[in-house]
């Protein structure tokens, strides 16, 4: 099992990392886009392996967090 890199953790909420490289497990459900690219964001599920982009390894930046309904506080 690969470890999630702690590089790029969000200073406002350290429980939500904002950057994850290709090959690590996705730390949070949400829309992710490659750093330095104008490509459309892709949805990646928490726990799945961060994908390659154009056949190359990249660092992914979190664009929008999507929480599960069970995580929402009413």
C-alpha atoms as a PDB file:
ATOM      1  CA  UNK A   1       0.000   0.000   0.000  1.00  0.00           C
ATOM      2  CA  UNK A   2       1.299   3.454  -0.877  1.00  0.00           C
ATOM      3  CA  UNK A   3       1.287   6.294   1.604  1.00  0.00           C
ATOM      4  CA  UNK A   4      -0.382   9.629   1.004  1.00  0.00           C
ATOM      5  CA  UNK A   5       2.183  12.383   0.684  1.00  0.00           C
ATOM      6  CA  UNK A   6       1.813  15.192   3.197  1.00  0.00           C
ATOM      7  CA  UNK A   7       3.201  17.708   0.710  1.00  0.00           C
ATOM      8  CA  UNK A   8       0.622  20.338  -0.123  1.00  0.00           C
ATOM      9  CA  UNK A   9      -1.599  20.026   2.934  1.00  0.00           C
ATOM     10  CA  UNK A  10      -4.212  22.759   3.289  1.00  0.00           C
ATOM     11  CA  UNK A  11      -3.208  25.207   6.035  1.00  0.00           C
ATOM     12  CA  UNK A  12      -6.867  26.139   6.718  1.00  0.00           C
ATOM     13  CA  UNK A  13      -7.847  22.523   7.285  1.00  0.00           C
ATOM     14  CA  UNK A  14      -4.849  20.191   7.658  1.00  0.00           C
ATOM     15  CA  UNK A  15      -7.155  17.177   7.305  1.00  0.00           C
ATOM     16  CA  UNK A  16      -7.673  18.021   3.606  1.00  0.00           C
ATOM     17  CA  UNK A  17      -4.581  17.807   1.409  1.00  0.00           C
ATOM     18  CA  UNK A  18      -4.646  20.008  -1.680  1.00  0.00           C
ATOM     19  CA  UNK A  19      -1.956  18.282  -3.780  1.00  0.00           C
ATOM     20  CA  UNK A  20      -1.507  14.586  -4.525  1.00  0.00           C
ATOM     21  CA  UNK A  21       0.890  13.045  -7.061  1.00  0.00           C
ATOM     22  CA  UNK A  22       0.085  10.288  -9.540  1.00  0.00           C
ATOM     23  CA  UNK A  23       0.253   6.840  -7.952  1.00  0.00           C
ATOM     24  CA  UNK A  24      -0.809   7.680  -4.381  1.00  0.00           C
ATOM     25  CA  UNK A  25      -4.252   7.003  -2.989  1.00  0.00           C
ATOM     26  CA  UNK A  26      -6.643   9.936  -3.307  1.00  0.00           C
ATOM     27  CA  UNK A  27      -7.029  11.589   0.095  1.00  0.00           C
ATOM     28  CA  UNK A  28     -10.517  13.050  -0.476  1.00  0.00           C
ATOM     29  CA  UNK A  29     -13.428  12.793  -2.951  1.00  0.00           C
ATOM     30  CA  UNK A  30     -13.428  15.719  -5.299  1.00  0.00           C
ATOM     31  CA  UNK A  31     -12.493  17.402  -8.518  1.00  0.00           C
ATOM     32  CA  UNK A  32      -8.766  17.364  -9.218  1.00  0.00           C
ATOM     33  CA  UNK A  33      -6.765  18.984 -12.013  1.00  0.00           C
ATOM     34  CA  UNK A  34      -3.112  18.648 -13.020  1.00  0.00           C
ATOM     35  CA  UNK A  35      -0.909  21.454 -11.678  1.00  0.00           C
ATOM     36  CA  UNK A  36       0.033  23.945 -14.371  1.00  0.00           C
ATOM     37  CA  UNK A  37      -2.530  22.649 -16.854  1.00  0.00           C
ATOM     38  CA  UNK A  38      -5.730  24.163 -18.185  1.00  0.00           C
ATOM     39  CA  UNK A  39      -7.297  20.712 -18.570  1.00  0.00           C
ATOM     40  CA  UNK A  40     -10.799  20.041 -17.299  1.00  0.00           C
ATOM     41  CA  UNK A  41     -10.863  18.716 -13.717  1.00  0.00           C
ATOM     42  CA  UNK A  42     -11.605  15.026 -13.168  1.00  0.00           C
ATOM     43  CA  UNK A  43     -13.526  13.494 -10.284  1.00  0.00           C
ATOM     44  CA  UNK A  44     -11.437  11.098  -8.198  1.00  0.00           C
ATOM     45  CA  UNK A  45     -12.914   8.976  -5.408  1.00  0.00           C
ATOM     46  CA  UNK A  46     -11.200   8.878  -2.020  1.00  0.00           C
ATOM     47  CA  UNK A  47      -8.957   5.830  -1.781  1.00  0.00           C
ATOM     48  CA  UNK A  48      -8.546   5.313  -5.515  1.00  0.00           C
ATOM     49  CA  UNK A  49      -5.117   5.729  -7.093  1.00  0.00           C
ATOM     50  CA  UNK A  50      -4.427   9.191  -8.520  1.00  0.00           C
ATOM     51  CA  UNK A  51      -4.255   8.816 -12.316  1.00  0.00           C
ATOM     52  CA  UNK A  52      -1.693   9.794 -14.903  1.00  0.00           C
ATOM     53  CA  UNK A  53      -2.366  12.690 -17.246  1.00  0.00           C
ATOM     54  CA  UNK A  54      -1.520  12.307 -20.908  1.00  0.00           C
ATOM     55  CA  UNK A  55       0.455   9.178 -20.051  1.00  0.00           C
ATOM     56  CA  UNK A  56       2.742  11.027 -17.644  1.00  0.00           C
ATOM     57  CA  UNK A  57       2.952  11.312 -13.870  1.00  0.00           C
ATOM     58  CA  UNK A  58       1.754  14.659 -12.550  1.00  0.00           C
ATOM     59  CA  UNK A  59       0.846  16.396  -9.328  1.00  0.00           C
ATOM     60  CA  UNK A  60      -2.893  16.872  -8.942  1.00  0.00           C
ATOM     61  CA  UNK A  61      -4.418  19.930  -7.280  1.00  0.00           C
ATOM     62  CA  UNK A  62      -7.750  19.740  -5.456  1.00  0.00           C
ATOM     63  CA  UNK A  63     -10.271  22.086  -7.074  1.00  0.00           C
ATOM     64  CA  UNK A  64     -13.468  21.200  -5.221  1.00  0.00           C
ATOM     65  CA  UNK A  65     -14.182  18.842  -2.315  1.00  0.00           C
ATOM     66  CA  UNK A  66     -17.208  16.533  -2.544  1.00  0.00           C
ATOM     67  CA  UNK A  67     -18.217  15.150   0.835  1.00  0.00           C
ATOM     68  CA  UNK A  68     -20.333  12.078   1.330  1.00  0.00           C
ATOM     69  CA  UNK A  69     -23.830  12.715   2.695  1.00  0.00           C
ATOM     70  CA  UNK A  70     -22.898  10.873   5.897  1.00  0.00           C
ATOM     71  CA  UNK A  71     -20.123  13.438   6.484  1.00  0.00           C
ATOM     72  CA  UNK A  72     -22.435  16.438   6.228  1.00  0.00           C
ATOM     73  CA  UNK A  73     -23.662  17.990   9.460  1.00  0.00           C
ATOM     74  CA  UNK A  74     -27.277  19.083   9.344  1.00  0.00           C
END
